């Protein structure tokens, strides 16, 4: 689901044979067979022998509730604040957090439902993981997977439907104009209800470049067995750093249908999309835009397009296999409790001076306590004793001449590196003055909220998220040798 591009497709699962006793029941039995094919939610994330589960969500919860706010952030509107209009793709829907567009279904699935009102306006939903550090370990393999049933609609009634399961490079957050250099992995896309799944890589420069933007390097195939629209299918993407050259691979129901290796795009483009903190994962159903229009040969959606057909997501999971447990750039400093915020999303030893990160505008909306288009910094592989103290930090922030901007920080601890945050601390936001120049935001403002408790870390992680909680302007966060967090571990 490219941010400035064209991209792609969908779902399925086991087919049960239904034997007709006599021809008069043939149609009814065919309908029953289609229903049974979709199958129920699987429940827990399935085991993956030989792989280490890094993170997952199986979307268990009551009907008509939002997905976990710990795992996901909800995108709204027609663009990121200050980013390309219509999400860079020409899609027309307004993304909302309405339970009519986005909710659990009570049966173990996430449900994303595009709707059209009486005036012809479309709404839908798009979510992305808070975590933006999904990255193949050095010498190992990363696996991103989801079991999905695409909107069950085909033909003219499906024109403009654009469901997607994909990942964007973490430097895109807070910038929104560095696509496609930061990388995009479209694990699964589909448009217009076509029985085909597309897998696409976006990289390099736009237009043209080594990834042929805005099209990208893609491949597609029909879903195995049942059609993409009528049943659940499992979509998997692998980033393999254990081979030379490194390789990316796409699968549907365990069958590989696409691959791209480092030699195909060249070292510069490959390094730009892989040598940063990692990726965040997205799920959405767009309506209209460049890709569905291109395949339809005309503008979509049309008056024949039928609203209300949801995409169902059983689970999303991330595994790794082999390699080092700590990706390069995310190593903690040797023995030091001081972790500097570094460009590219890492926490570690102080880097060069003068580095900065941009904090997106809050857009006039109050995001006090809830990360919004945050910059995320992560350190992994930490094994240390808890000292009994508390978190300290000193962040250099500057809102320039903008009035009433307020930056906020959340510090989270994963004590065992299993993807669950055992302790989360959100501090009161810091109201910067409207005078150009950096100011110090420290822990002295106090905790707004905290959950969980601290203890010894064994191969643990620390995550620092910084965002604008209030205001109408962007802010600048100093990185490198300036902003740091001091963790209570030795």
Protein backbone atom coordinates (compact mmCIF):
# COMPACT_ATOMS: atom_id res chain seq x y z
CA UNK A 1 0.00 0.00 0.00
CA UNK A 2 2.51 2.53 -1.15
CA UNK A 3 2.52 5.99 0.27
CA UNK A 4 3.01 7.55 -3.12
CA UNK A 5 2.50 4.71 -5.51
CA UNK A 6 0.63 1.82 -6.95
CA UNK A 7 0.25 -1.45 -4.93
CA UNK A 8 -1.93 -4.58 -3.99
CA UNK A 9 -4.25 -8.11 -2.79
CA UNK A 10 -5.92 -10.84 -0.30
CA UNK A 11 -7.24 -14.03 1.56
CA UNK A 12 -8.37 -17.70 1.80
CA UNK A 13 -8.28 -21.04 3.69
CA UNK A 14 -9.25 -24.72 3.63
CA UNK A 15 -12.14 -25.82 1.39
CA UNK A 16 -14.64 -28.40 2.69
CA UNK A 17 -16.36 -30.57 0.17
CA UNK A 18 -20.14 -30.50 0.47
CA UNK A 19 -21.83 -33.36 -1.35
CA UNK A 20 -25.18 -32.62 -2.88
CA UNK A 21 -27.80 -35.26 -2.22
CA UNK A 22 -29.84 -34.13 -5.16
CA UNK A 23 -29.68 -31.38 -7.74
CA UNK A 24 -32.47 -29.34 -6.18
CA UNK A 25 -30.13 -28.57 -3.24
CA UNK A 26 -27.04 -27.80 -5.31
CA UNK A 27 -27.23 -24.02 -5.02
CA UNK A 28 -27.90 -24.07 -1.27
CA UNK A 29 -25.03 -26.44 -0.67
CA UNK A 30 -22.68 -24.32 -2.75
CA UNK A 31 -23.50 -21.32 -0.58
CA UNK A 32 -22.92 -23.40 2.54
CA UNK A 33 -19.57 -24.57 1.20
CA UNK A 34 -18.43 -21.00 0.65
CA UNK A 35 -19.33 -20.09 4.22
CA UNK A 36 -17.55 -23.10 5.67
CA UNK A 37 -14.43 -22.40 3.62
CA UNK A 38 -13.87 -19.10 5.39
CA UNK A 39 -13.61 -20.90 8.71
CA UNK A 40 -13.54 -19.37 12.17
CA UNK A 41 -10.73 -17.36 13.66
CA UNK A 42 -7.82 -19.62 14.50
CA UNK A 43 -7.55 -18.21 18.03
CA UNK A 44 -3.99 -18.04 19.29
CA UNK A 45 -1.16 -17.27 16.90
CA UNK A 46 -0.10 -20.64 15.41
CA UNK A 47 3.22 -22.20 16.42
CA UNK A 48 6.18 -21.74 14.09
CA UNK A 49 8.79 -24.39 14.93
CA UNK A 50 12.33 -23.09 14.56
CA UNK A 51 11.23 -19.45 14.83
CA UNK A 52 11.27 -17.07 17.81
CA UNK A 53 8.07 -15.05 18.26
CA UNK A 54 8.97 -11.36 18.58
CA UNK A 55 5.52 -9.76 18.65
CA UNK A 56 1.91 -10.68 17.90
CA UNK A 57 -1.75 -9.74 18.22
CA UNK A 58 -4.55 -12.29 17.81
CA UNK A 59 -7.37 -9.73 18.11
CA UNK A 60 -9.24 -11.52 20.86
CA UNK A 61 -11.73 -9.27 22.65
CA UNK A 62 -15.38 -8.24 22.85
CA UNK A 63 -17.38 -7.37 19.76
CA UNK A 64 -17.29 -3.68 18.74
CA UNK A 65 -14.20 -2.74 20.70
CA UNK A 66 -11.08 -1.13 19.28
CA UNK A 67 -7.86 -3.10 18.81
CA UNK A 68 -5.23 -2.90 21.55
CA UNK A 69 -3.96 0.65 22.04
CA UNK A 70 -0.73 -0.84 23.36
CA UNK A 71 -0.08 -2.54 20.02
CA UNK A 72 -1.70 -0.20 17.51
CA UNK A 73 -2.20 3.45 16.66
CA UNK A 74 -5.15 4.54 14.52
CA UNK A 75 -4.64 6.81 11.52
CA UNK A 76 -7.41 9.29 10.78
CA UNK A 77 -8.33 11.73 8.04
CA UNK A 78 -7.01 11.99 4.50
CA UNK A 79 -3.27 12.29 5.24
CA UNK A 80 -0.58 12.43 7.88
CA UNK A 81 -0.20 15.95 9.32
CA UNK A 82 1.94 17.78 6.78
CA UNK A 83 2.21 14.68 4.58
CA UNK A 84 1.04 14.01 1.01
CA UNK A 85 -2.68 14.50 0.40
CA UNK A 86 -4.91 11.44 0.12
CA UNK A 87 -2.14 9.38 1.76
CA UNK A 88 -0.02 9.85 -1.37
CA UNK A 89 -2.03 7.35 -3.42
CA UNK A 90 -5.13 9.24 -4.59
CA UNK A 91 -7.45 7.14 -2.39
CA UNK A 92 -10.64 8.99 -1.47
CA UNK A 93 -11.89 7.57 1.85
CA UNK A 94 -11.71 9.33 5.20
CA UNK A 95 -10.05 7.12 7.81
CA UNK A 96 -11.83 7.13 11.18
CA UNK A 97 -11.69 5.44 14.56
CA UNK A 98 -15.44 4.77 14.47
CA UNK A 99 -16.43 1.29 15.61
CA UNK A 100 -18.46 1.06 12.42
CA UNK A 101 -15.20 1.17 10.45
CA UNK A 102 -12.78 -0.44 12.89
CA UNK A 103 -13.45 -2.98 15.63
CA UNK A 104 -12.91 -6.49 16.90
CA UNK A 105 -15.71 -8.86 15.88
CA UNK A 106 -15.88 -10.82 19.15
CA UNK A 107 -14.82 -13.98 17.34
CA UNK A 108 -11.07 -13.44 17.31
CA UNK A 109 -10.82 -11.16 14.27
CA UNK A 110 -10.13 -7.51 13.55
CA UNK A 111 -12.76 -6.06 11.23
CA UNK A 112 -12.05 -3.11 8.88
CA UNK A 113 -15.22 -2.04 7.07
CA UNK A 114 -15.43 0.62 4.33
CA UNK A 115 -18.73 2.49 4.35
CA UNK A 116 -20.48 5.06 2.15
CA UNK A 117 -22.97 7.63 3.45
CA UNK A 118 -26.01 9.05 1.71
CA UNK A 119 -23.95 11.84 0.16
CA UNK A 120 -21.54 9.36 -1.41
CA UNK A 121 -18.68 9.97 1.04
CA UNK A 122 -16.57 6.94 1.95
CA UNK A 123 -15.03 6.11 5.33
CA UNK A 124 -12.74 3.25 6.33
CA UNK A 125 -9.90 2.46 8.75
CA UNK A 126 -6.13 2.18 8.85
CA UNK A 127 -3.96 1.11 11.79
CA UNK A 128 -0.22 0.78 12.31
CA UNK A 129 1.92 -0.80 15.00
CA UNK A 130 3.41 1.43 17.65
CA UNK A 131 6.56 -0.60 17.28
CA UNK A 132 8.75 0.52 14.41
CA UNK A 133 11.76 -1.71 15.04
CA UNK A 134 10.86 -4.86 13.13
CA UNK A 135 14.13 -5.80 11.47
CA UNK A 136 15.94 -8.96 10.44
CA UNK A 137 18.75 -9.78 12.89
CA UNK A 138 22.27 -9.66 11.48
CA UNK A 139 22.85 -13.04 9.86
CA UNK A 140 19.23 -14.10 10.46
CA UNK A 141 15.70 -13.91 9.05
CA UNK A 142 12.65 -11.81 9.90
CA UNK A 143 9.15 -13.19 9.23
CA UNK A 144 6.03 -10.99 9.14
CA UNK A 145 2.75 -12.86 8.77
CA UNK A 146 -1.02 -12.43 8.93
CA UNK A 147 -4.06 -14.60 8.28
CA UNK A 148 -6.64 -12.48 6.47
CA UNK A 149 -9.94 -12.74 4.68
CA UNK A 150 -10.27 -9.94 2.18
CA UNK A 151 -13.56 -8.11 1.58
CA UNK A 152 -15.86 -10.70 0.06
CA UNK A 153 -16.92 -8.70 -2.97
CA UNK A 154 -16.09 -9.11 -6.66
CA UNK A 155 -16.91 -7.68 -10.07
CA UNK A 156 -18.33 -4.19 -10.50
CA UNK A 157 -19.43 -4.19 -6.85
CA UNK A 158 -15.74 -4.34 -5.82
CA UNK A 159 -14.39 -1.49 -7.97
CA UNK A 160 -12.19 0.72 -5.79
CA UNK A 161 -11.67 -1.73 -2.91
CA UNK A 162 -7.98 -1.73 -1.93
CA UNK A 163 -7.16 -3.88 1.14
CA UNK A 164 -3.53 -4.14 2.24
CA UNK A 165 -1.12 -5.64 4.78
CA UNK A 166 2.26 -3.89 4.56
CA UNK A 167 5.25 -2.30 6.31
CA UNK A 168 7.00 1.08 6.10
CA UNK A 169 10.51 2.09 7.18
CA UNK A 170 10.56 3.80 10.59
CA UNK A 171 12.19 7.06 9.35
CA UNK A 172 8.92 7.80 7.54
CA UNK A 173 7.31 8.71 10.87
CA UNK A 174 7.51 12.45 11.38
CA UNK A 175 8.93 13.09 7.92
CA UNK A 176 6.35 11.78 5.39
CA UNK A 177 8.35 12.97 2.39
CA UNK A 178 11.23 10.45 2.36
CA UNK A 179 9.30 7.70 0.55
CA UNK A 180 10.34 5.41 -1.13
CA UNK A 181 13.96 5.62 0.02
CA UNK A 182 13.15 4.38 3.51
CA UNK A 183 11.57 1.22 2.06
CA UNK A 184 8.12 -0.32 1.82
CA UNK A 185 7.24 -4.02 1.91
CA UNK A 186 3.73 -4.75 0.61
CA UNK A 187 3.14 -8.22 2.04
CA UNK A 188 -0.33 -8.45 0.53
CA UNK A 189 -2.45 -6.15 -1.56
CA UNK A 190 -5.57 -6.59 -3.67
CA UNK A 191 -7.78 -4.29 -5.70
CA UNK A 192 -11.21 -4.42 -7.30
CA UNK A 193 -12.01 -7.88 -5.92
CA UNK A 194 -9.64 -9.62 -8.35
CA UNK A 195 -8.67 -13.15 -7.32
CA UNK A 196 -4.99 -12.33 -7.01
CA UNK A 197 -2.49 -11.38 -4.30
CA UNK A 198 0.28 -8.89 -5.05
CA UNK A 199 3.59 -8.61 -3.22
CA UNK A 200 5.60 -5.45 -3.92
CA UNK A 201 8.86 -3.77 -2.90
CA UNK A 202 9.21 0.01 -3.03
CA UNK A 203 12.65 1.61 -2.68
CA UNK A 204 15.09 4.11 -4.15
CA UNK A 205 13.74 7.30 -5.68
CA UNK A 206 10.46 8.43 -7.20
CA UNK A 207 9.86 8.39 -10.11
CA UNK A 208 11.89 5.60 -11.64
CA UNK A 209 14.97 4.37 -9.83
CA UNK A 210 15.94 0.77 -9.08
CA UNK A 211 12.42 -0.11 -7.90
CA UNK A 212 10.66 1.36 -10.96
CA UNK A 213 8.55 3.81 -8.97
CA UNK A 214 5.81 4.49 -8.55
CA UNK A 215 4.94 0.93 -9.57
CA UNK A 216 7.57 -0.86 -7.49
CA UNK A 217 8.96 -4.34 -8.05
CA UNK A 218 5.99 -6.66 -7.76
CA UNK A 219 4.54 -10.04 -8.57
CA UNK A 220 1.09 -11.55 -8.20
CA UNK A 221 -0.73 -14.86 -8.32
CA UNK A 222 -4.17 -16.32 -7.66
CA UNK A 223 -4.84 -17.44 -4.11
CA UNK A 224 -4.40 -21.21 -3.66
CA UNK A 225 -7.61 -23.22 -3.45
CA UNK A 226 -10.46 -20.89 -2.53
CA UNK A 227 -10.50 -17.42 -4.02
CA UNK A 228 -8.84 -14.52 -2.26
CA UNK A 229 -12.22 -13.00 -1.43
CA UNK A 230 -14.13 -16.06 -0.22
CA UNK A 231 -11.83 -17.38 2.50
CA UNK A 232 -8.92 -16.77 4.83
CA UNK A 233 -5.38 -17.08 3.50
CA UNK A 234 -2.02 -16.67 5.23
CA UNK A 235 0.33 -14.00 3.88
CA UNK A 236 4.00 -14.06 4.82
CA UNK A 237 7.02 -11.89 4.12
CA UNK A 238 10.62 -12.84 4.90
CA UNK A 239 13.68 -10.61 5.07
CA UNK A 240 16.72 -12.90 4.90
CA UNK A 241 20.11 -11.59 6.01
CA UNK A 242 21.60 -15.08 6.29
CA UNK A 243 22.24 -15.39 2.55
CA UNK A 244 24.54 -13.55 0.16
CA UNK A 245 23.14 -11.48 -1.40
CA UNK A 246 20.42 -10.67 1.16
CA UNK A 247 16.93 -11.49 -0.07
CA UNK A 248 13.26 -10.58 0.42
CA UNK A 249 10.56 -13.25 -0.17
CA UNK A 250 6.75 -13.24 -0.39
CA UNK A 251 4.41 -16.21 0.30
CA UNK A 252 0.71 -17.04 0.27
CA UNK A 253 -0.39 -20.14 2.21
CA UNK A 254 3.26 -21.21 2.38
CA UNK A 255 3.81 -20.97 -1.39
CA UNK A 256 6.51 -18.50 -2.48
CA UNK A 257 5.48 -16.26 -5.38
CA UNK A 258 7.95 -13.35 -5.35
CA UNK A 259 11.52 -12.51 -4.34
CA UNK A 260 13.95 -9.59 -4.67
CA UNK A 261 17.62 -9.69 -3.71
CA UNK A 262 20.15 -6.98 -2.93
CA UNK A 263 21.89 -7.22 -6.30
CA UNK A 264 18.67 -6.37 -8.15
CA UNK A 265 18.29 -2.90 -6.60
CA UNK A 266 21.93 -2.10 -5.81
CA UNK A 267 23.82 -1.44 -2.60
CA UNK A 268 22.77 2.19 -2.13
CA UNK A 269 19.01 1.61 -2.35
CA UNK A 270 19.29 -1.60 -0.31
CA UNK A 271 21.27 0.08 2.48
CA UNK A 272 18.91 3.06 2.62
CA UNK A 273 15.92 0.80 3.20
CA UNK A 274 17.62 -1.65 5.58
CA UNK A 275 20.20 0.29 7.62
CA UNK A 276 17.77 2.07 9.91
CA UNK A 277 15.90 1.10 13.08
CA UNK A 278 13.36 -1.10 11.32
CA UNK A 279 9.76 -1.14 10.09
CA UNK A 280 6.24 -0.64 11.37
CA UNK A 281 3.29 -2.73 10.14
CA UNK A 282 0.02 -1.42 8.67
CA UNK A 283 -3.44 -2.83 7.93
CA UNK A 284 -6.05 -0.88 5.99
CA UNK A 285 -8.79 -0.92 3.40
CA UNK A 286 -8.55 2.06 1.05
CA UNK A 287 -11.17 3.06 -1.48
CA UNK A 288 -10.13 4.33 -4.89
CA UNK A 289 -6.67 5.55 -5.87
CA UNK A 290 -3.96 4.98 -8.42
CA UNK A 291 -3.74 1.20 -8.23
CA UNK A 292 -7.45 0.27 -8.46
CA UNK A 293 -7.94 2.97 -11.10
CA UNK A 294 -5.08 1.57 -13.19
CA UNK A 295 -6.43 -1.97 -13.18
CA UNK A 296 -10.01 -0.85 -13.77
CA UNK A 297 -8.97 1.45 -16.60
CA UNK A 298 -11.15 4.21 -15.17
CA UNK A 299 -11.87 6.15 -12.00
CA UNK A 300 -12.97 4.15 -8.95
CA UNK A 301 -15.14 3.66 -6.98
CA UNK A 302 -18.26 3.84 -9.14
CA UNK A 303 -21.98 3.95 -8.43
CA UNK A 304 -21.94 0.14 -8.65
CA UNK A 305 -19.40 -0.22 -5.81
CA UNK A 306 -21.05 -1.81 -2.77
CA UNK A 307 -20.04 -0.59 0.72
CA UNK A 308 -19.91 -2.58 3.94
CA UNK A 309 -17.75 -5.56 2.96
CA UNK A 310 -15.10 -5.95 5.70
CA UNK A 311 -11.57 -7.24 5.72
CA UNK A 312 -11.12 -9.73 8.58
CA UNK A 313 -7.72 -10.22 10.22
CA UNK A 314 -7.22 -13.27 12.43
CA UNK A 315 -3.72 -12.44 13.69
CA UNK A 316 -0.54 -10.56 12.92
CA UNK A 317 2.77 -11.98 14.11
CA UNK A 318 6.48 -11.29 13.73
CA UNK A 319 9.12 -13.97 14.17
CA UNK A 320 12.89 -14.12 13.77
CA UNK A 321 15.31 -16.97 13.24
CA UNK A 322 19.08 -17.21 13.58
CA UNK A 323 21.55 -14.37 13.61
CA UNK A 324 22.44 -12.09 16.47
CA UNK A 325 19.78 -11.14 19.00
CA UNK A 326 20.67 -7.46 18.74
CA UNK A 327 20.37 -5.76 15.34
CA UNK A 328 23.22 -3.38 14.49
CA UNK A 329 22.48 0.17 15.60
CA UNK A 330 20.30 -0.87 18.54
CA UNK A 331 23.00 -2.14 20.91
CA UNK A 332 23.00 -0.64 24.41
CA UNK A 333 26.18 1.15 25.50
CA UNK A 334 28.58 -1.10 27.38
CA UNK A 335 27.64 -0.97 31.06
CA UNK A 336 26.25 2.55 30.86
CA UNK A 337 22.69 3.33 31.97
CA UNK A 338 22.63 6.36 29.65
CA UNK A 339 21.01 5.69 26.27
CA UNK A 340 21.21 8.46 23.69
CA UNK A 341 18.46 8.97 21.11
CA UNK A 342 20.14 8.43 17.76
CA UNK A 343 19.08 9.20 14.23
CA UNK A 344 17.46 6.18 12.59
CA UNK A 345 15.57 5.16 15.73
CA UNK A 346 18.31 3.53 17.82
CA UNK A 347 19.23 4.03 21.49
CA UNK A 348 22.88 3.69 22.39
CA UNK A 349 26.17 5.48 22.80
CA UNK A 350 26.29 9.15 21.91
CA UNK A 351 26.62 9.76 18.17
CA UNK A 352 27.70 12.86 16.27
CA UNK A 353 26.34 16.25 17.25
CA UNK A 354 23.82 18.18 15.21
CA UNK A 355 21.49 15.27 14.41
CA UNK A 356 17.76 15.95 14.71
CA UNK A 357 14.37 14.31 14.28
CA UNK A 358 11.12 16.05 13.35
CA UNK A 359 8.05 15.69 15.56
CA UNK A 360 4.85 15.96 13.51
CA UNK A 361 2.25 18.56 14.41
CA UNK A 362 -0.53 17.51 16.76
CA UNK A 363 -2.84 19.16 14.24
CA UNK A 364 -4.73 21.12 16.88
CA UNK A 365 -5.93 17.86 18.47
CA UNK A 366 -5.19 16.87 22.06
CA UNK A 367 -2.95 13.79 22.12
CA UNK A 368 -2.03 14.09 25.80
CA UNK A 369 -1.08 10.60 26.95
CA UNK A 370 -1.54 8.89 23.58
CA UNK A 371 1.39 8.70 21.14
CA UNK A 372 0.59 10.36 17.80
CA UNK A 373 2.93 10.07 14.81
CA UNK A 374 5.70 9.59 17.33
CA UNK A 375 9.42 9.25 16.82
CA UNK A 376 10.47 5.89 18.27
CA UNK A 377 13.90 4.86 19.57
CA UNK A 378 14.74 1.30 20.69
CA UNK A 379 17.65 -0.47 22.36
CA UNK A 380 17.69 -4.28 22.43
CA UNK A 381 19.62 -7.15 23.96
CA UNK A 382 19.97 -5.59 27.43
CA UNK A 383 20.86 -7.89 30.34
CA UNK A 384 21.23 -5.93 33.60
CA UNK A 385 20.16 -5.79 37.22
CA UNK A 386 17.42 -3.42 38.33
CA UNK A 387 18.99 -0.79 40.59
CA UNK A 388 15.75 0.17 42.35
CA UNK A 389 15.78 3.72 41.04
CA UNK A 390 13.58 5.44 38.47
CA UNK A 391 13.80 6.63 34.88
CA UNK A 392 15.52 9.93 34.15
CA UNK A 393 15.74 11.76 30.85
CA UNK A 394 16.84 15.01 29.25
CA UNK A 395 15.38 15.73 25.82
CA UNK A 396 16.41 18.73 23.73
CA UNK A 397 13.23 20.06 22.06
CA UNK A 398 12.46 23.18 20.06
CA UNK A 399 9.13 24.35 18.67
CA UNK A 400 10.65 27.38 16.99
CA UNK A 401 8.24 30.32 17.08
CA UNK A 402 5.12 28.12 17.30
CA UNK A 403 2.80 29.03 20.15
CA UNK A 404 1.33 26.39 22.51
CA UNK A 405 3.21 23.32 21.33
CA UNK A 406 3.82 20.57 23.87
CA UNK A 407 6.11 17.57 23.50
CA UNK A 408 5.53 14.33 25.39
CA UNK A 409 7.56 11.19 26.08
CA UNK A 410 6.70 7.58 26.90
CA UNK A 411 9.38 5.16 28.11
CA UNK A 412 8.65 1.42 27.99
CA UNK A 413 10.58 -1.60 29.28
CA UNK A 414 10.38 -5.16 27.91
CA UNK A 415 12.29 -7.12 30.55
CA UNK A 416 12.69 -10.35 28.56
CA UNK A 417 12.56 -9.20 24.93
CA UNK A 418 9.39 -11.18 24.24
CA UNK A 419 7.52 -8.24 22.71
CA UNK A 420 5.38 -7.44 25.77
CA UNK A 421 6.06 -4.18 27.62
CA UNK A 422 6.31 -4.96 31.33
CA UNK A 423 6.55 -1.33 32.43
CA UNK A 424 5.25 1.75 30.61
CA UNK A 425 5.77 5.31 31.85
CA UNK A 426 4.11 8.34 30.26
CA UNK A 427 5.29 11.74 31.49
CA UNK A 428 3.41 15.04 31.51
CA UNK A 429 3.96 16.99 28.33
CA UNK A 430 6.41 19.89 28.15
CA UNK A 431 5.03 23.19 26.84
CA UNK A 432 7.79 24.82 24.81
CA UNK A 433 8.10 28.57 24.53
CA UNK A 434 7.61 30.37 21.17
CA UNK A 435 11.26 31.41 21.01
CA UNK A 436 13.65 29.66 18.65
CA UNK A 437 16.20 27.54 20.48
CA UNK A 438 16.35 24.23 22.32
CA UNK A 439 14.83 23.69 25.75
CA UNK A 440 15.32 20.86 28.24
CA UNK A 441 12.41 18.46 28.83
CA UNK A 442 13.18 16.28 31.85
CA UNK A 443 11.50 13.81 34.19
CA UNK A 444 10.96 16.64 36.69
CA UNK A 445 7.54 17.28 35.12
CA UNK A 446 6.43 13.99 36.66
CA UNK A 447 4.48 10.94 35.57
CA UNK A 448 1.11 11.32 33.94
CA UNK A 449 0.55 7.55 34.10
CA UNK A 450 2.46 4.33 34.66
CA UNK A 451 1.66 0.64 34.44
CA UNK A 452 3.50 -2.54 35.34
CA UNK A 453 6.69 -2.87 37.34
CA UNK A 454 10.42 -3.12 36.83
CA UNK A 455 12.80 -5.98 37.53
CA UNK A 456 16.00 -7.44 36.18
CA UNK A 457 16.35 -7.43 32.39
CA UNK A 458 17.47 -10.50 30.44
CA UNK A 459 17.90 -9.77 26.72
CA UNK A 460 15.39 -6.97 27.28
CA UNK A 461 14.43 -3.84 25.38
CA UNK A 462 13.91 -0.16 26.12
CA UNK A 463 11.67 1.99 23.91
CA UNK A 464 11.41 5.77 23.96
CA UNK A 465 8.56 7.47 22.07
CA UNK A 466 8.38 11.24 21.61
CA UNK A 467 5.52 13.18 20.02
CA UNK A 468 3.66 16.49 20.00
CA UNK A 469 0.75 16.15 22.41
CA UNK A 470 -0.73 19.58 21.66
CA UNK A 471 -0.30 22.43 19.21
CA UNK A 472 -0.40 23.18 15.53
CA UNK A 473 3.24 23.12 14.54
CA UNK A 474 6.09 20.69 14.08
CA UNK A 475 8.91 20.52 16.63
CA UNK A 476 12.53 19.47 16.47
CA UNK A 477 14.07 16.84 18.72
CA UNK A 478 17.82 16.83 19.17
CA UNK A 479 19.46 13.43 18.72
CA UNK A 480 23.01 12.12 18.60
CA UNK A 481 24.94 13.54 21.55
CA UNK A 482 22.06 15.61 23.01
CA UNK A 483 18.84 13.87 24.10
CA UNK A 484 19.16 10.82 26.36
CA UNK A 485 17.33 8.60 28.81
CA UNK A 486 18.99 7.17 31.90
CA UNK A 487 17.55 3.78 32.84
CA UNK A 488 17.59 2.42 36.43
CA UNK A 489 19.72 -0.63 35.62
CA UNK A 490 23.33 -1.48 36.23
